[in-house]
N, C-alpha and C. Protein backbone atom coordinates (compact mmCIF):
# COMPACT_ATOMS: atom_id res chain seq x y z
N SER A 1 -3.90 -5.73 -17.38
CA SER A 1 -3.19 -6.87 -16.80
C SER A 1 -2.86 -6.61 -15.32
N HIS A 2 -3.33 -5.47 -14.82
CA HIS A 2 -3.03 -5.12 -13.42
C HIS A 2 -4.14 -5.58 -12.49
N LEU A 3 -4.87 -6.64 -12.88
CA LEU A 3 -6.00 -7.08 -12.07
C LEU A 3 -5.50 -7.85 -10.86
N THR A 4 -5.91 -7.42 -9.70
CA THR A 4 -5.55 -8.11 -8.46
C THR A 4 -6.82 -8.72 -7.90
N PHE A 5 -6.80 -10.03 -7.69
CA PHE A 5 -7.95 -10.68 -7.09
C PHE A 5 -7.87 -10.52 -5.58
N ARG A 6 -9.01 -10.20 -4.97
CA ARG A 6 -9.01 -9.88 -3.55
C ARG A 6 -9.98 -10.75 -2.76
N GLU A 7 -9.63 -10.98 -1.50
CA GLU A 7 -10.57 -11.62 -0.60
C GLU A 7 -11.57 -10.55 -0.17
N GLU A 8 -12.63 -10.98 0.51
CA GLU A 8 -13.67 -10.01 0.90
C GLU A 8 -13.11 -8.85 1.71
N SER A 9 -12.07 -9.11 2.49
CA SER A 9 -11.49 -8.07 3.35
C SER A 9 -10.70 -7.04 2.56
N GLY A 10 -10.44 -7.34 1.26
CA GLY A 10 -9.60 -6.45 0.46
C GLY A 10 -8.20 -7.02 0.31
N LEU A 11 -7.86 -8.04 1.11
CA LEU A 11 -6.53 -8.65 1.04
C LEU A 11 -6.30 -9.27 -0.33
N ALA A 12 -5.15 -8.95 -0.94
CA ALA A 12 -4.82 -9.53 -2.24
C ALA A 12 -4.67 -11.05 -2.08
N MET A 13 -5.32 -11.79 -2.98
CA MET A 13 -5.27 -13.25 -2.89
C MET A 13 -3.88 -13.76 -3.19
N SER A 14 -3.45 -14.72 -2.38
CA SER A 14 -2.13 -15.32 -2.56
C SER A 14 -2.11 -16.67 -1.88
N SER A 15 -1.32 -17.59 -2.43
CA SER A 15 -1.20 -18.91 -1.80
C SER A 15 -0.60 -18.78 -0.40
N ARG A 16 0.13 -17.67 -0.17
CA ARG A 16 0.76 -17.48 1.14
C ARG A 16 -0.25 -17.14 2.23
N ASN A 17 -1.44 -16.71 1.83
CA ASN A 17 -2.43 -16.31 2.83
C ASN A 17 -2.83 -17.47 3.74
N LYS A 18 -2.67 -18.70 3.22
CA LYS A 18 -3.06 -19.86 4.04
C LYS A 18 -2.15 -20.00 5.27
N ASN A 19 -1.01 -19.34 5.25
CA ASN A 19 -0.10 -19.38 6.39
C ASN A 19 -0.47 -18.36 7.47
N LEU A 20 -1.53 -17.61 7.23
CA LEU A 20 -1.95 -16.60 8.20
C LEU A 20 -3.08 -17.14 9.07
N SER A 21 -3.05 -16.81 10.36
CA SER A 21 -4.16 -17.17 11.24
C SER A 21 -5.36 -16.27 10.90
N VAL A 22 -6.51 -16.63 11.45
CA VAL A 22 -7.72 -15.82 11.24
C VAL A 22 -7.48 -14.39 11.72
N GLU A 23 -6.82 -14.29 12.86
CA GLU A 23 -6.51 -12.97 13.45
C GLU A 23 -5.57 -12.19 12.53
N ASP A 24 -4.56 -12.89 12.00
CA ASP A 24 -3.62 -12.24 11.08
C ASP A 24 -4.31 -11.78 9.80
N LYS A 25 -5.24 -12.62 9.32
CA LYS A 25 -5.95 -12.25 8.08
C LYS A 25 -6.73 -10.96 8.27
N ALA A 26 -7.33 -10.82 9.44
CA ALA A 26 -8.08 -9.59 9.74
C ALA A 26 -7.11 -8.41 9.76
N LYS A 27 -5.94 -8.64 10.35
CA LYS A 27 -4.91 -7.60 10.43
C LYS A 27 -4.39 -7.26 9.02
N ALA A 28 -4.25 -8.29 8.19
CA ALA A 28 -3.69 -8.13 6.85
C ALA A 28 -4.57 -7.24 5.97
N ALA A 29 -5.85 -7.15 6.31
CA ALA A 29 -6.75 -6.28 5.54
C ALA A 29 -6.31 -4.83 5.61
N GLN A 30 -5.49 -4.50 6.61
CA GLN A 30 -4.98 -3.13 6.74
C GLN A 30 -4.06 -2.74 5.58
N VAL A 31 -3.48 -3.74 4.92
CA VAL A 31 -2.54 -3.44 3.84
C VAL A 31 -3.27 -2.69 2.72
N TYR A 32 -4.37 -3.27 2.25
CA TYR A 32 -5.13 -2.62 1.17
C TYR A 32 -5.77 -1.33 1.66
N ARG A 33 -6.23 -1.35 2.91
CA ARG A 33 -6.85 -0.14 3.47
C ARG A 33 -5.84 1.00 3.52
N THR A 34 -4.59 0.67 3.85
CA THR A 34 -3.53 1.68 3.88
C THR A 34 -3.31 2.27 2.49
N LEU A 35 -3.27 1.42 1.47
CA LEU A 35 -3.09 1.91 0.10
C LEU A 35 -4.24 2.84 -0.28
N SER A 36 -5.45 2.44 0.08
CA SER A 36 -6.63 3.26 -0.23
C SER A 36 -6.57 4.61 0.48
N GLU A 37 -6.11 4.59 1.75
CA GLU A 37 -5.99 5.84 2.51
C GLU A 37 -4.96 6.77 1.85
N ILE A 38 -3.84 6.20 1.42
CA ILE A 38 -2.81 7.00 0.77
C ILE A 38 -3.37 7.63 -0.50
N LYS A 39 -4.07 6.80 -1.29
CA LYS A 39 -4.68 7.29 -2.54
C LYS A 39 -5.62 8.45 -2.24
N ASN A 40 -6.46 8.28 -1.23
CA ASN A 40 -7.42 9.33 -0.88
C ASN A 40 -6.73 10.60 -0.41
N GLU A 41 -5.68 10.44 0.39
CA GLU A 41 -4.96 11.62 0.89
C GLU A 41 -4.28 12.38 -0.24
N ILE A 42 -3.81 11.62 -1.24
CA ILE A 42 -3.12 12.26 -2.36
C ILE A 42 -4.11 12.88 -3.34
N LYS A 43 -5.20 12.15 -3.61
CA LYS A 43 -6.16 12.61 -4.61
C LYS A 43 -7.12 13.66 -4.06
N ASP A 44 -7.28 13.68 -2.75
CA ASP A 44 -8.18 14.64 -2.11
C ASP A 44 -7.55 16.02 -2.20
N LYS A 45 -8.29 16.99 -2.62
CA LYS A 45 -7.80 18.37 -2.73
C LYS A 45 -6.51 18.48 -3.55
N PRO A 46 -6.57 18.19 -4.85
CA PRO A 46 -5.36 18.29 -5.68
C PRO A 46 -4.77 19.70 -5.68
N GLU A 47 -5.57 20.68 -5.32
CA GLU A 47 -5.04 22.06 -5.28
C GLU A 47 -4.01 22.23 -4.16
N ASP A 48 -3.97 21.27 -3.24
CA ASP A 48 -2.98 21.33 -2.15
C ASP A 48 -1.62 20.77 -2.54
N LEU A 49 -1.43 20.46 -3.82
CA LEU A 49 -0.12 19.96 -4.25
C LEU A 49 0.93 21.06 -4.09
N PRO A 50 2.20 20.79 -3.86
CA PRO A 50 2.73 19.43 -3.67
C PRO A 50 2.42 18.88 -2.28
N LYS A 51 2.06 17.62 -2.25
CA LYS A 51 1.82 16.95 -0.96
C LYS A 51 3.15 16.41 -0.47
N ASP A 52 3.22 16.23 0.83
CA ASP A 52 4.44 15.67 1.42
C ASP A 52 4.37 14.15 1.30
N LEU A 53 4.65 13.64 0.11
CA LEU A 53 4.52 12.21 -0.15
C LEU A 53 5.39 11.37 0.78
N PRO A 54 6.70 11.69 0.93
CA PRO A 54 7.51 10.89 1.86
C PRO A 54 6.94 10.89 3.28
N GLY A 55 6.41 12.03 3.69
CA GLY A 55 5.82 12.14 5.03
C GLY A 55 4.58 11.27 5.17
N ILE A 56 3.73 11.27 4.17
CA ILE A 56 2.51 10.45 4.18
C ILE A 56 2.90 8.97 4.26
N LEU A 57 3.86 8.56 3.42
CA LEU A 57 4.26 7.15 3.38
C LEU A 57 4.91 6.71 4.69
N LEU A 58 5.72 7.60 5.27
CA LEU A 58 6.38 7.29 6.55
C LEU A 58 5.34 7.11 7.65
N GLY A 59 4.38 8.01 7.68
CA GLY A 59 3.32 7.94 8.69
C GLY A 59 2.55 6.64 8.60
N LYS A 60 2.21 6.24 7.38
CA LYS A 60 1.46 4.99 7.17
C LYS A 60 2.31 3.78 7.54
N SER A 61 3.60 3.82 7.21
CA SER A 61 4.51 2.72 7.56
C SER A 61 4.57 2.55 9.08
N GLN A 62 4.70 3.66 9.78
CA GLN A 62 4.78 3.61 11.24
C GLN A 62 3.51 3.03 11.84
N LYS A 63 2.37 3.40 11.25
CA LYS A 63 1.08 2.90 11.74
C LYS A 63 1.00 1.38 11.57
N LEU A 64 1.46 0.88 10.42
CA LEU A 64 1.43 -0.57 10.19
C LEU A 64 2.33 -1.29 11.21
N LEU A 65 3.51 -0.72 11.47
CA LEU A 65 4.43 -1.33 12.44
C LEU A 65 3.82 -1.32 13.84
N GLU A 66 3.13 -0.24 14.17
CA GLU A 66 2.47 -0.16 15.48
C GLU A 66 1.34 -1.17 15.60
N ASN A 67 0.76 -1.53 14.44
CA ASN A 67 -0.39 -2.45 14.43
C ASN A 67 0.00 -3.92 14.24
N GLY A 68 1.28 -4.23 14.44
CA GLY A 68 1.66 -5.63 14.48
C GLY A 68 2.38 -6.20 13.27
N PHE A 69 2.61 -5.37 12.26
CA PHE A 69 3.42 -5.85 11.12
C PHE A 69 4.89 -5.80 11.55
N GLU A 70 5.63 -6.87 11.24
CA GLU A 70 7.02 -6.93 11.73
C GLU A 70 7.95 -6.03 10.96
N LYS A 71 7.73 -5.98 9.66
CA LYS A 71 8.71 -5.31 8.81
C LYS A 71 8.04 -4.79 7.55
N ILE A 72 8.50 -3.65 7.08
CA ILE A 72 8.02 -3.12 5.82
C ILE A 72 9.19 -3.12 4.84
N ASP A 73 9.07 -3.94 3.81
CA ASP A 73 10.13 -3.99 2.77
C ASP A 73 10.13 -2.68 2.00
N TYR A 74 8.94 -2.29 1.56
CA TYR A 74 8.81 -1.02 0.85
C TYR A 74 7.37 -0.56 0.87
N LEU A 75 7.21 0.74 0.84
CA LEU A 75 5.92 1.40 0.63
C LEU A 75 6.29 2.62 -0.18
N GLU A 76 5.99 2.56 -1.46
CA GLU A 76 6.50 3.60 -2.36
C GLU A 76 5.54 3.86 -3.52
N VAL A 77 5.72 5.00 -4.13
CA VAL A 77 4.92 5.35 -5.30
C VAL A 77 5.87 5.39 -6.49
N ARG A 78 5.45 4.74 -7.57
CA ARG A 78 6.26 4.70 -8.79
C ARG A 78 5.42 5.07 -9.99
N GLU A 79 6.10 5.59 -11.00
CA GLU A 79 5.41 5.88 -12.26
C GLU A 79 4.97 4.56 -12.86
N GLU A 80 3.75 4.56 -13.39
CA GLU A 80 3.22 3.31 -13.92
C GLU A 80 3.97 2.85 -15.16
N LYS A 81 4.38 3.79 -16.01
CA LYS A 81 4.96 3.36 -17.30
C LYS A 81 6.39 2.86 -17.21
N ASN A 82 7.19 3.39 -16.30
CA ASN A 82 8.59 2.95 -16.25
C ASN A 82 9.05 2.54 -14.85
N LEU A 83 8.10 2.54 -13.90
CA LEU A 83 8.38 2.15 -12.51
C LEU A 83 9.45 3.02 -11.83
N LYS A 84 9.61 4.23 -12.34
CA LYS A 84 10.55 5.16 -11.71
C LYS A 84 9.97 5.63 -10.38
N LEU A 85 10.81 5.60 -9.35
CA LEU A 85 10.39 6.02 -8.02
C LEU A 85 10.08 7.52 -8.03
N ILE A 86 8.97 7.91 -7.43
CA ILE A 86 8.65 9.33 -7.40
C ILE A 86 8.50 9.83 -5.97
N THR A 87 8.79 11.11 -5.78
CA THR A 87 8.63 11.72 -4.46
C THR A 87 7.62 12.86 -4.51
N LYS A 88 7.25 13.28 -5.72
CA LYS A 88 6.25 14.35 -5.86
C LYS A 88 5.09 13.86 -6.73
N VAL A 89 3.91 14.17 -6.27
CA VAL A 89 2.70 13.73 -6.96
C VAL A 89 2.41 14.64 -8.14
N ASP A 90 2.03 14.03 -9.24
CA ASP A 90 1.55 14.78 -10.41
C ASP A 90 0.24 14.12 -10.82
N VAL A 91 -0.87 14.83 -10.61
CA VAL A 91 -2.18 14.21 -10.87
C VAL A 91 -2.37 13.80 -12.32
N ALA A 92 -1.61 14.42 -13.23
CA ALA A 92 -1.76 14.10 -14.65
C ALA A 92 -1.03 12.81 -15.04
N ARG A 93 -0.14 12.35 -14.18
CA ARG A 93 0.68 11.18 -14.53
C ARG A 93 0.13 9.93 -13.83
N PRO A 94 0.01 8.83 -14.57
CA PRO A 94 -0.47 7.61 -13.91
C PRO A 94 0.62 6.98 -13.03
N ASP A 95 0.36 6.99 -11.74
CA ASP A 95 1.29 6.42 -10.77
C ASP A 95 0.62 5.25 -10.05
N ARG A 96 1.43 4.49 -9.34
CA ARG A 96 0.93 3.33 -8.61
C ARG A 96 1.67 3.21 -7.28
N ILE A 97 0.93 2.87 -6.23
CA ILE A 97 1.54 2.65 -4.92
C ILE A 97 1.85 1.17 -4.78
N PHE A 98 3.05 0.87 -4.30
CA PHE A 98 3.47 -0.52 -4.10
C PHE A 98 3.83 -0.73 -2.63
N ILE A 99 3.47 -1.90 -2.12
CA ILE A 99 3.78 -2.21 -0.73
C ILE A 99 4.19 -3.67 -0.59
N ALA A 100 5.13 -3.91 0.32
CA ALA A 100 5.49 -5.28 0.73
C ALA A 100 5.76 -5.22 2.22
N VAL A 101 5.03 -6.06 2.97
CA VAL A 101 5.16 -6.07 4.42
C VAL A 101 5.21 -7.50 4.94
N TYR A 102 5.72 -7.66 6.13
CA TYR A 102 5.73 -8.98 6.77
C TYR A 102 4.78 -9.01 7.95
N LEU A 103 3.98 -10.07 7.98
CA LEU A 103 3.04 -10.29 9.08
C LEU A 103 3.15 -11.76 9.48
N SER A 104 3.55 -12.01 10.71
CA SER A 104 3.79 -13.39 11.19
C SER A 104 4.69 -14.17 10.23
N GLY A 105 5.70 -13.49 9.72
CA GLY A 105 6.66 -14.14 8.84
C GLY A 105 6.20 -14.32 7.41
N VAL A 106 4.97 -13.91 7.10
CA VAL A 106 4.44 -14.04 5.74
C VAL A 106 4.60 -12.70 5.02
N ARG A 107 5.19 -12.74 3.83
CA ARG A 107 5.38 -11.49 3.07
C ARG A 107 4.13 -11.22 2.24
N LEU A 108 3.52 -10.09 2.48
CA LEU A 108 2.32 -9.69 1.76
C LEU A 108 2.67 -8.55 0.82
N ILE A 109 2.25 -8.67 -0.44
CA ILE A 109 2.51 -7.60 -1.40
C ILE A 109 1.19 -7.14 -2.00
N ASP A 110 1.17 -5.87 -2.39
CA ASP A 110 -0.03 -5.34 -3.02
C ASP A 110 0.35 -4.06 -3.76
N ASN A 111 -0.56 -3.59 -4.59
CA ASN A 111 -0.35 -2.32 -5.26
C ASN A 111 -1.69 -1.74 -5.63
N LEU A 112 -1.71 -0.44 -5.86
CA LEU A 112 -2.96 0.25 -6.19
C LEU A 112 -2.65 1.43 -7.09
N LYS A 113 -3.46 1.56 -8.13
CA LYS A 113 -3.30 2.69 -9.06
C LYS A 113 -3.75 3.97 -8.37
N LEU A 114 -2.98 5.01 -8.53
CA LEU A 114 -3.36 6.30 -7.95
C LEU A 114 -4.33 7.03 -8.86
């Protein structure tokens, strides 16, 4: 039931997307790309655990703000089964990254399984 329908750019489909300009839509594709980058950084070289998860998330948040997003409501990793917030990665546990950001006043949300 975690199926997210996406536009070609990777942007999660939403009725709110119609409020974005063409330029904003291109920018909004960074949301999913950011989630994918986080997943890759965490899953890449699992022997390097523990990863600095808060540091990774902070860095990505700052990058989004530098790239024109007005505000980040949240960018966090939670356990899939109980949505408990986590700060340390455990490759054996199913986790999910959640994000909510504002772009031109439009709130964009997305998530990705780790």
